[in-house]
């Protein structure tokens, strides 16, 4: 298991790697969900990414982390992941 400090470092590296390639999406407070749940609820609007989902982040990070020896990738998906890899 990774120590928390290693995980934080890996997350920061990934965020820096994908930043030029993904949209900075807003976080919106949801009054209706907050009232219904009795807790403060915020929504991260990843539906505003070019592919309509958060999957662009993971796919972009994975592709950018590949070395030139990889030679290419194959994605078996007809959904958001496939669009993100394309």
PDB file of N, CA and C in Angstrom:
ATOM      1  N   UNK A   1       0.839  -1.177   0.000  1.00  0.00           N
ATOM      2  CA  UNK A   1       0.000   0.000   0.000  1.00  0.00           C
ATOM      3  C   UNK A   1       0.885   1.241   0.000  1.00  0.00           C
ATOM      4  N   UNK A   2       0.514   2.221  -0.810  1.00  0.00           N
ATOM      5  CA  UNK A   2       1.281   3.467  -0.886  1.00  0.00           C
ATOM      6  C   UNK A   2       1.045   4.326   0.348  1.00  0.00           C
ATOM      7  N   UNK A   3       2.100   4.936   0.854  1.00  0.00           N
ATOM      8  CA  UNK A   3       1.893   5.931   1.911  1.00  0.00           C
ATOM      9  C   UNK A   3       1.111   7.116   1.341  1.00  0.00           C
ATOM     10  N   UNK A   4       0.347   7.797   2.189  1.00  0.00           N
ATOM     11  CA  UNK A   4      -0.469   8.918   1.747  1.00  0.00           C
ATOM     12  C   UNK A   4       0.363   9.986   1.047  1.00  0.00           C
ATOM     13  N   UNK A   5       1.569  10.228   1.536  1.00  0.00           N
ATOM     14  CA  UNK A   5       2.414  11.255   0.916  1.00  0.00           C
ATOM     15  C   UNK A   5       2.780  10.876  -0.521  1.00  0.00           C
ATOM     16  N   UNK A   6       3.001   9.586  -0.787  1.00  0.00           N
ATOM     17  CA  UNK A   6       3.290   9.137  -2.156  1.00  0.00           C
ATOM     18  C   UNK A   6       2.069   9.311  -3.056  1.00  0.00           C
ATOM     19  N   UNK A   7       0.901   8.993  -2.525  1.00  0.00           N
ATOM     20  CA  UNK A   7      -0.330   9.132  -3.295  1.00  0.00           C
ATOM     21  C   UNK A   7      -0.585  10.599  -3.641  1.00  0.00           C
ATOM     22  N   UNK A   8      -0.372  11.478  -2.679  1.00  0.00           N
ATOM     23  CA  UNK A   8      -0.548  12.909  -2.936  1.00  0.00           C
ATOM     24  C   UNK A   8       0.418  13.382  -4.014  1.00  0.00           C
ATOM     25  N   UNK A   9       1.642  12.924  -3.956  1.00  0.00           N
ATOM     26  CA  UNK A   9       2.645  13.303  -4.946  1.00  0.00           C
ATOM     27  C   UNK A   9       2.247  12.817  -6.340  1.00  0.00           C
ATOM     28  N   UNK A  10       1.782  11.584  -6.441  1.00  0.00           N
ATOM     29  CA  UNK A  10       1.348  11.033  -7.726  1.00  0.00           C
ATOM     30  C   UNK A  10       0.149  11.807  -8.287  1.00  0.00           C
ATOM     31  N   UNK A  11      -0.763  12.198  -7.411  1.00  0.00           N
ATOM     32  CA  UNK A  11      -1.930  12.977  -7.850  1.00  0.00           C
ATOM     33  C   UNK A  11      -1.512  14.342  -8.382  1.00  0.00           C
ATOM     34  N   UNK A  12      -0.567  14.988  -7.701  1.00  0.00           N
ATOM     35  CA  UNK A  12      -0.082  16.294  -8.161  1.00  0.00           C
ATOM     36  C   UNK A  12       0.642  16.164  -9.507  1.00  0.00           C
ATOM     37  N   UNK A  13       1.420  15.099  -9.666  1.00  0.00           N
ATOM     38  CA  UNK A  13       2.102  14.864 -10.949  1.00  0.00           C
ATOM     39  C   UNK A  13       1.088  14.674 -12.073  1.00  0.00           C
ATOM     40  N   UNK A  14       0.066  13.868 -11.814  1.00  0.00           N
ATOM     41  CA  UNK A  14      -0.965  13.614 -12.829  1.00  0.00           C
ATOM     42  C   UNK A  14      -1.712  14.903 -13.168  1.00  0.00           C
ATOM     43  N   UNK A  15      -2.043  15.685 -12.162  1.00  0.00           N
ATOM     44  CA  UNK A  15      -2.757  16.947 -12.399  1.00  0.00           C
ATOM     45  C   UNK A  15      -1.933  17.884 -13.273  1.00  0.00           C
ATOM     46  N   UNK A  16      -0.644  17.959 -13.007  1.00  0.00           N
ATOM     47  CA  UNK A  16       0.227  18.799 -13.822  1.00  0.00           C
ATOM     48  C   UNK A  16       0.356  18.294 -15.248  1.00  0.00           C
ATOM     49  N   UNK A  17       0.380  16.970 -15.390  1.00  0.00           N
ATOM     50  CA  UNK A  17       0.538  16.360 -16.713  1.00  0.00           C
ATOM     51  C   UNK A  17      -0.694  16.636 -17.589  1.00  0.00           C
ATOM     52  N   UNK A  18      -1.882  16.549 -17.008  1.00  0.00           N
ATOM     53  CA  UNK A  18      -3.095  16.674 -17.819  1.00  0.00           C
ATOM     54  C   UNK A  18      -3.612  18.108 -17.937  1.00  0.00           C
ATOM     55  N   UNK A  19      -3.121  19.015 -17.111  1.00  0.00           N
ATOM     56  CA  UNK A  19      -3.666  20.386 -17.067  1.00  0.00           C
ATOM     57  C   UNK A  19      -3.791  21.062 -18.430  1.00  0.00           C
ATOM     58  N   UNK A  20      -2.794  20.944 -19.313  1.00  0.00           N
ATOM     59  CA  UNK A  20      -2.936  21.621 -20.607  1.00  0.00           C
ATOM     60  C   UNK A  20      -3.956  20.964 -21.546  1.00  0.00           C
ATOM     61  N   UNK A  21      -4.451  19.791 -21.176  1.00  0.00           N
ATOM     62  CA  UNK A  21      -5.276  19.004 -22.093  1.00  0.00           C
ATOM     63  C   UNK A  21      -6.735  18.859 -21.673  1.00  0.00           C
ATOM     64  N   UNK A  22      -7.072  19.274 -20.460  1.00  0.00           N
ATOM     65  CA  UNK A  22      -8.449  19.133 -19.975  1.00  0.00           C
ATOM     66  C   UNK A  22      -8.986  20.494 -19.555  1.00  0.00           C
ATOM     67  N   UNK A  23     -10.294  20.596 -19.499  1.00  0.00           N
ATOM     68  CA  UNK A  23     -10.935  21.835 -19.055  1.00  0.00           C
ATOM     69  C   UNK A  23     -10.929  21.902 -17.532  1.00  0.00           C
ATOM     70  N   UNK A  24     -10.751  23.096 -17.016  1.00  0.00           N
ATOM     71  CA  UNK A  24     -10.899  23.333 -15.581  1.00  0.00           C
ATOM     72  C   UNK A  24     -12.395  23.499 -15.340  1.00  0.00           C
ATOM     73  N   UNK A  25     -13.031  22.473 -14.785  1.00  0.00           N
ATOM     74  CA  UNK A  25     -14.481  22.496 -14.627  1.00  0.00           C
ATOM     75  C   UNK A  25     -14.870  23.063 -13.266  1.00  0.00           C
ATOM     76  N   UNK A  26     -16.002  23.752 -13.209  1.00  0.00           N
ATOM     77  CA  UNK A  26     -16.410  24.391 -11.955  1.00  0.00           C
ATOM     78  C   UNK A  26     -16.979  23.406 -10.944  1.00  0.00           C
ATOM     79  N   UNK A  27     -17.005  23.857  -9.707  1.00  0.00           N
ATOM     80  CA  UNK A  27     -17.673  23.150  -8.616  1.00  0.00           C
ATOM     81  C   UNK A  27     -18.839  24.037  -8.202  1.00  0.00           C
ATOM     82  N   UNK A  28     -20.044  23.492  -8.233  1.00  0.00           N
ATOM     83  CA  UNK A  28     -21.251  24.262  -7.931  1.00  0.00           C
ATOM     84  C   UNK A  28     -21.929  23.720  -6.679  1.00  0.00           C
ATOM     85  N   UNK A  29     -22.336  24.613  -5.818  1.00  0.00           N
ATOM     86  CA  UNK A  29     -23.104  24.247  -4.630  1.00  0.00           C
ATOM     87  C   UNK A  29     -24.520  23.882  -5.054  1.00  0.00           C
ATOM     88  N   UNK A  30     -25.051  22.781  -4.524  1.00  0.00           N
ATOM     89  CA  UNK A  30     -26.417  22.364  -4.828  1.00  0.00           C
ATOM     90  C   UNK A  30     -27.289  22.565  -3.596  1.00  0.00           C
ATOM     91  N   UNK A  31     -28.110  23.599  -3.638  1.00  0.00           N
ATOM     92  CA  UNK A  31     -28.985  23.872  -2.499  1.00  0.00           C
ATOM     93  C   UNK A  31     -29.995  22.739  -2.323  1.00  0.00           C
ATOM     94  N   UNK A  32     -30.583  22.269  -3.420  1.00  0.00           N
ATOM     95  CA  UNK A  32     -31.599  21.218  -3.336  1.00  0.00           C
ATOM     96  C   UNK A  32     -31.033  19.937  -2.726  1.00  0.00           C
ATOM     97  N   UNK A  33     -29.872  19.491  -3.203  1.00  0.00           N
ATOM     98  CA  UNK A  33     -29.274  18.267  -2.658  1.00  0.00           C
ATOM     99  C   UNK A  33     -28.789  18.473  -1.231  1.00  0.00           C
ATOM    100  N   UNK A  34     -28.319  19.653  -0.926  1.00  0.00           N
ATOM    101  CA  UNK A  34     -27.873  19.956   0.432  1.00  0.00           C
ATOM    102  C   UNK A  34     -29.051  19.897   1.402  1.00  0.00           C
ATOM    103  N   UNK A  35     -30.170  20.505   1.019  1.00  0.00           N
ATOM    104  CA  UNK A  35     -31.358  20.473   1.878  1.00  0.00           C
ATOM    105  C   UNK A  35     -31.891  19.053   2.025  1.00  0.00           C
ATOM    106  N   UNK A  36     -31.889  18.287   0.944  1.00  0.00           N
ATOM    107  CA  UNK A  36     -32.407  16.916   0.983  1.00  0.00           C
ATOM    108  C   UNK A  36     -31.540  15.993   1.828  1.00  0.00           C
ATOM    109  N   UNK A  37     -30.225  16.238   1.834  1.00  0.00           N
ATOM    110  CA  UNK A  37     -29.311  15.337   2.541  1.00  0.00           C
ATOM    111  C   UNK A  37     -28.950  15.817   3.938  1.00  0.00           C
ATOM    112  N   UNK A  38     -29.192  17.082   4.233  1.00  0.00           N
ATOM    113  CA  UNK A  38     -28.794  17.617   5.533  1.00  0.00           C
ATOM    114  C   UNK A  38     -27.301  17.864   5.624  1.00  0.00           C
ATOM    115  N   UNK A  39     -26.639  17.909   4.488  1.00  0.00           N
ATOM    116  CA  UNK A  39     -25.190  18.160   4.429  1.00  0.00           C
ATOM    117  C   UNK A  39     -24.928  19.099   3.258  1.00  0.00           C
ATOM    118  N   UNK A  40     -23.776  19.753   3.278  1.00  0.00           N
ATOM    119  CA  UNK A  40     -23.430  20.603   2.144  1.00  0.00           C
ATOM    120  C   UNK A  40     -22.990  19.723   0.974  1.00  0.00           C
ATOM    121  N   UNK A  41     -23.632  19.891  -0.164  1.00  0.00           N
ATOM    122  CA  UNK A  41     -23.337  19.081  -1.343  1.00  0.00           C
ATOM    123  C   UNK A  41     -22.865  20.001  -2.467  1.00  0.00           C
ATOM    124  N   UNK A  42     -21.716  19.657  -3.016  1.00  0.00           N
ATOM    125  CA  UNK A  42     -21.150  20.386  -4.147  1.00  0.00           C
ATOM    126  C   UNK A  42     -21.021  19.427  -5.321  1.00  0.00           C
ATOM    127  N   UNK A  43     -21.241  19.910  -6.510  1.00  0.00           N
ATOM    128  CA  UNK A  43     -21.159  19.094  -7.715  1.00  0.00           C
ATOM    129  C   UNK A  43     -19.980  19.546  -8.565  1.00  0.00           C
ATOM    130  N   UNK A  44     -19.114  18.606  -8.936  1.00  0.00           N
ATOM    131  CA  UNK A  44     -18.002  18.881  -9.839  1.00  0.00           C
ATOM    132  C   UNK A  44     -18.528  18.626 -11.244  1.00  0.00           C
ATOM    133  N   UNK A  45     -18.619  19.662 -12.051  1.00  0.00           N
ATOM    134  CA  UNK A  45     -19.295  19.579 -13.339  1.00  0.00           C
ATOM    135  C   UNK A  45     -18.392  19.034 -14.449  1.00  0.00           C
ATOM    136  N   UNK A  46     -18.017  17.767 -14.306  1.00  0.00           N
ATOM    137  CA  UNK A  46     -17.170  17.113 -15.304  1.00  0.00           C
ATOM    138  C   UNK A  46     -17.917  16.853 -16.604  1.00  0.00           C
ATOM    139  N   UNK A  47     -19.236  17.002 -16.587  1.00  0.00           N
ATOM    140  CA  UNK A  47     -20.005  16.878 -17.827  1.00  0.00           C
ATOM    141  C   UNK A  47     -19.659  17.996 -18.811  1.00  0.00           C
ATOM    142  N   UNK A  48     -18.927  19.000 -18.358  1.00  0.00           N
ATOM    143  CA  UNK A  48     -18.501  20.093 -19.237  1.00  0.00           C
ATOM    144  C   UNK A  48     -17.181  19.798 -19.952  1.00  0.00           C
ATOM    145  N   UNK A  49     -16.573  18.634 -19.678  1.00  0.00           N
ATOM    146  CA  UNK A  49     -15.377  18.233 -20.424  1.00  0.00           C
ATOM    147  C   UNK A  49     -15.765  17.982 -21.884  1.00  0.00           C
ATOM    148  N   UNK A  50     -14.801  17.984 -22.756  1.00  0.00           N
ATOM    149  CA  UNK A  50     -15.060  17.785 -24.190  1.00  0.00           C
ATOM    150  C   UNK A  50     -15.787  16.470 -24.464  1.00  0.00           C
ATOM    151  N   UNK A  51     -15.523  15.447 -23.661  1.00  0.00           N
ATOM    152  CA  UNK A  51     -16.155  14.140 -23.863  1.00  0.00           C
ATOM    153  C   UNK A  51     -17.413  13.959 -23.026  1.00  0.00           C
ATOM    154  N   UNK A  52     -17.757  14.932 -22.199  1.00  0.00           N
ATOM    155  CA  UNK A  52     -18.961  14.848 -21.384  1.00  0.00           C
ATOM    156  C   UNK A  52     -18.810  14.060 -20.102  1.00  0.00           C
ATOM    157  N   UNK A  53     -17.581  13.709 -19.724  1.00  0.00           N
ATOM    158  CA  UNK A  53     -17.388  12.953 -18.486  1.00  0.00           C
ATOM    159  C   UNK A  53     -15.978  13.157 -17.936  1.00  0.00           C
ATOM    160  N   UNK A  54     -15.779  12.646 -16.724  1.00  0.00           N
ATOM    161  CA  UNK A  54     -14.478  12.714 -16.058  1.00  0.00           C
ATOM    162  C   UNK A  54     -13.451  11.782 -16.691  1.00  0.00           C
ATOM    163  N   UNK A  55     -13.873  10.865 -17.526  1.00  0.00           N
ATOM    164  CA  UNK A  55     -12.970   9.831 -18.045  1.00  0.00           C
ATOM    165  C   UNK A  55     -11.840  10.392 -18.893  1.00  0.00           C
ATOM    166  N   UNK A  56     -12.016  11.602 -19.394  1.00  0.00           N
ATOM    167  CA  UNK A  56     -10.945  12.255 -20.143  1.00  0.00           C
ATOM    168  C   UNK A  56      -9.699  12.421 -19.278  1.00  0.00           C
ATOM    169  N   UNK A  57      -9.884  12.681 -17.988  1.00  0.00           N
ATOM    170  CA  UNK A  57      -8.744  12.890 -17.087  1.00  0.00           C
ATOM    171  C   UNK A  57      -7.873  11.634 -16.979  1.00  0.00           C
ATOM    172  N   UNK A  58      -8.499  10.497 -16.708  1.00  0.00           N
ATOM    173  CA  UNK A  58      -7.743   9.260 -16.563  1.00  0.00           C
ATOM    174  C   UNK A  58      -7.112   8.794 -17.862  1.00  0.00           C
ATOM    175  N   UNK A  59      -7.866   8.899 -18.948  1.00  0.00           N
ATOM    176  CA  UNK A  59      -7.330   8.474 -20.245  1.00  0.00           C
ATOM    177  C   UNK A  59      -6.160   9.354 -20.663  1.00  0.00           C
ATOM    178  N   UNK A  60      -6.295  10.662 -20.472  1.00  0.00           N
ATOM    179  CA  UNK A  60      -5.216  11.584 -20.834  1.00  0.00           C
ATOM    180  C   UNK A  60      -3.977  11.312 -20.009  1.00  0.00           C
ATOM    181  N   UNK A  61      -4.156  11.107 -18.708  1.00  0.00           N
ATOM    182  CA  UNK A  61      -3.011  10.825 -17.848  1.00  0.00           C
ATOM    183  C   UNK A  61      -2.314   9.534 -18.263  1.00  0.00           C
ATOM    184  N   UNK A  62      -3.092   8.499 -18.536  1.00  0.00           N
ATOM    185  CA  UNK A  62      -2.498   7.215 -18.928  1.00  0.00           C
ATOM    186  C   UNK A  62      -1.720   7.340 -20.237  1.00  0.00           C
ATOM    187  N   UNK A  63      -2.288   8.036 -21.214  1.00  0.00           N
ATOM    188  CA  UNK A  63      -1.607   8.189 -22.505  1.00  0.00           C
ATOM    189  C   UNK A  63      -0.337   9.021 -22.381  1.00  0.00           C
ATOM    190  N   UNK A  64      -0.395  10.100 -21.602  1.00  0.00           N
ATOM    191  CA  UNK A  64       0.783  10.954 -21.451  1.00  0.00           C
ATOM    192  C   UNK A  64       1.882  10.287 -20.629  1.00  0.00           C
ATOM    193  N   UNK A  65       1.512   9.326 -19.787  1.00  0.00           N
ATOM    194  CA  UNK A  65       2.499   8.632 -18.960  1.00  0.00           C
ATOM    195  C   UNK A  65       3.208   7.514 -19.725  1.00  0.00           C
ATOM    196  N   UNK A  66       2.680   7.130 -20.891  1.00  0.00           N
ATOM    197  CA  UNK A  66       3.312   6.076 -21.689  1.00  0.00           C
ATOM    198  C   UNK A  66       4.632   6.561 -22.268  1.00  0.00           C
ATOM    199  N   UNK A  67       5.561   5.665 -22.352  1.00  0.00           N
ATOM    200  CA  UNK A  67       6.822   5.973 -23.018  1.00  0.00           C
ATOM    201  C   UNK A  67       6.700   5.712 -24.504  1.00  0.00           C
ATOM    202  N   UNK A  68       7.661   6.184 -25.287  1.00  0.00           N
ATOM    203  CA  UNK A  68       7.603   5.981 -26.741  1.00  0.00           C
ATOM    204  C   UNK A  68       7.666   4.508 -27.138  1.00  0.00           C
ATOM    205  N   UNK A  69       8.182   3.674 -26.246  1.00  0.00           N
ATOM    206  CA  UNK A  69       8.270   2.245 -26.553  1.00  0.00           C
ATOM    207  C   UNK A  69       6.894   1.580 -26.589  1.00  0.00           C
ATOM    208  N   UNK A  70       5.856   2.237 -26.080  1.00  0.00           N
ATOM    209  CA  UNK A  70       4.510   1.654 -26.073  1.00  0.00           C
ATOM    210  C   UNK A  70       4.009   1.432 -27.501  1.00  0.00           C
ATOM    211  N   UNK A  71       4.304   2.333 -28.405  1.00  0.00           N
ATOM    212  CA  UNK A  71       3.953   2.144 -29.804  1.00  0.00           C
ATOM    213  C   UNK A  71       2.494   2.363 -30.150  1.00  0.00           C
ATOM    214  N   UNK A  72       1.653   2.636 -29.189  1.00  0.00           N
ATOM    215  CA  UNK A  72       0.237   2.887 -29.459  1.00  0.00           C
ATOM    216  C   UNK A  72      -0.640   2.273 -28.395  1.00  0.00           C
ATOM    217  N   UNK A  73      -1.924   2.472 -28.532  1.00  0.00           N
ATOM    218  CA  UNK A  73      -2.892   1.938 -27.567  1.00  0.00           C
ATOM    219  C   UNK A  73      -4.121   1.433 -28.307  1.00  0.00           C
ATOM    220  N   UNK A  74      -4.876   0.592 -27.620  1.00  0.00           N
ATOM    221  CA  UNK A  74      -6.162   0.117 -28.112  1.00  0.00           C
ATOM    222  C   UNK A  74      -7.164   0.336 -26.993  1.00  0.00           C
ATOM    223  N   UNK A  75      -8.304   0.917 -27.312  1.00  0.00           N
ATOM    224  CA  UNK A  75      -9.368   1.110 -26.328  1.00  0.00           C
ATOM    225  C   UNK A  75     -10.624   0.416 -26.833  1.00  0.00           C
ATOM    226  N   UNK A  76     -11.110  -0.546 -26.072  1.00  0.00           N
ATOM    227  CA  UNK A  76     -12.334  -1.260 -26.434  1.00  0.00           C
ATOM    228  C   UNK A  76     -13.496  -0.620 -25.690  1.00  0.00           C
ATOM    229  N   UNK A  77     -14.068   0.407 -26.272  1.00  0.00           N
ATOM    230  CA  UNK A  77     -15.162   1.142 -25.645  1.00  0.00           C
ATOM    231  C   UNK A  77     -15.921   1.901 -26.713  1.00  0.00           C
ATOM    232  N   UNK A  78     -17.226   1.940 -26.563  1.00  0.00           N
ATOM    233  CA  UNK A  78     -18.029   2.762 -27.468  1.00  0.00           C
ATOM    234  C   UNK A  78     -18.589   3.972 -26.738  1.00  0.00           C
ATOM    235  N   UNK A  79     -18.092   4.188 -25.513  1.00  0.00           N
ATOM    236  CA  UNK A  79     -18.619   5.270 -24.693  1.00  0.00           C
ATOM    237  C   UNK A  79     -17.620   6.376 -24.440  1.00  0.00           C
ATOM    238  N   UNK A  80     -17.748   7.001 -23.269  1.00  0.00           N
ATOM    239  CA  UNK A  80     -16.923   8.149 -22.911  1.00  0.00           C
ATOM    240  C   UNK A  80     -15.440   7.820 -22.857  1.00  0.00           C
ATOM    241  N   UNK A  81     -15.091   6.624 -22.390  1.00  0.00           N
ATOM    242  CA  UNK A  81     -13.673   6.262 -22.320  1.00  0.00           C
ATOM    243  C   UNK A  81     -13.079   6.179 -23.727  1.00  0.00           C
ATOM    244  N   UNK A  82     -13.794   5.552 -24.635  1.00  0.00           N
ATOM    245  CA  UNK A  82     -13.319   5.467 -26.014  1.00  0.00           C
ATOM    246  C   UNK A  82     -13.151   6.837 -26.648  1.00  0.00           C
ATOM    247  N   UNK A  83     -14.091   7.737 -26.392  1.00  0.00           N
ATOM    248  CA  UNK A  83     -13.969   9.107 -26.917  1.00  0.00           C
ATOM    249  C   UNK A  83     -12.771   9.809 -26.302  1.00  0.00           C
ATOM    250  N   UNK A  84     -12.521   9.568 -25.016  1.00  0.00           N
ATOM    251  CA  UNK A  84     -11.390  10.212 -24.344  1.00  0.00           C
ATOM    252  C   UNK A  84     -10.063   9.720 -24.906  1.00  0.00           C
ATOM    253  N   UNK A  85      -9.954   8.429 -25.179  1.00  0.00           N
ATOM    254  CA  UNK A  85      -8.712   7.876 -25.727  1.00  0.00           C
ATOM    255  C   UNK A  85      -8.498   8.354 -27.160  1.00  0.00           C
ATOM    256  N   UNK A  86      -9.577   8.468 -27.904  1.00  0.00           N
ATOM    257  CA  UNK A  86      -9.473   8.923 -29.296  1.00  0.00           C
ATOM    258  C   UNK A  86      -8.938  10.336 -29.350  1.00  0.00           C
TER     259      UNK A  86
END
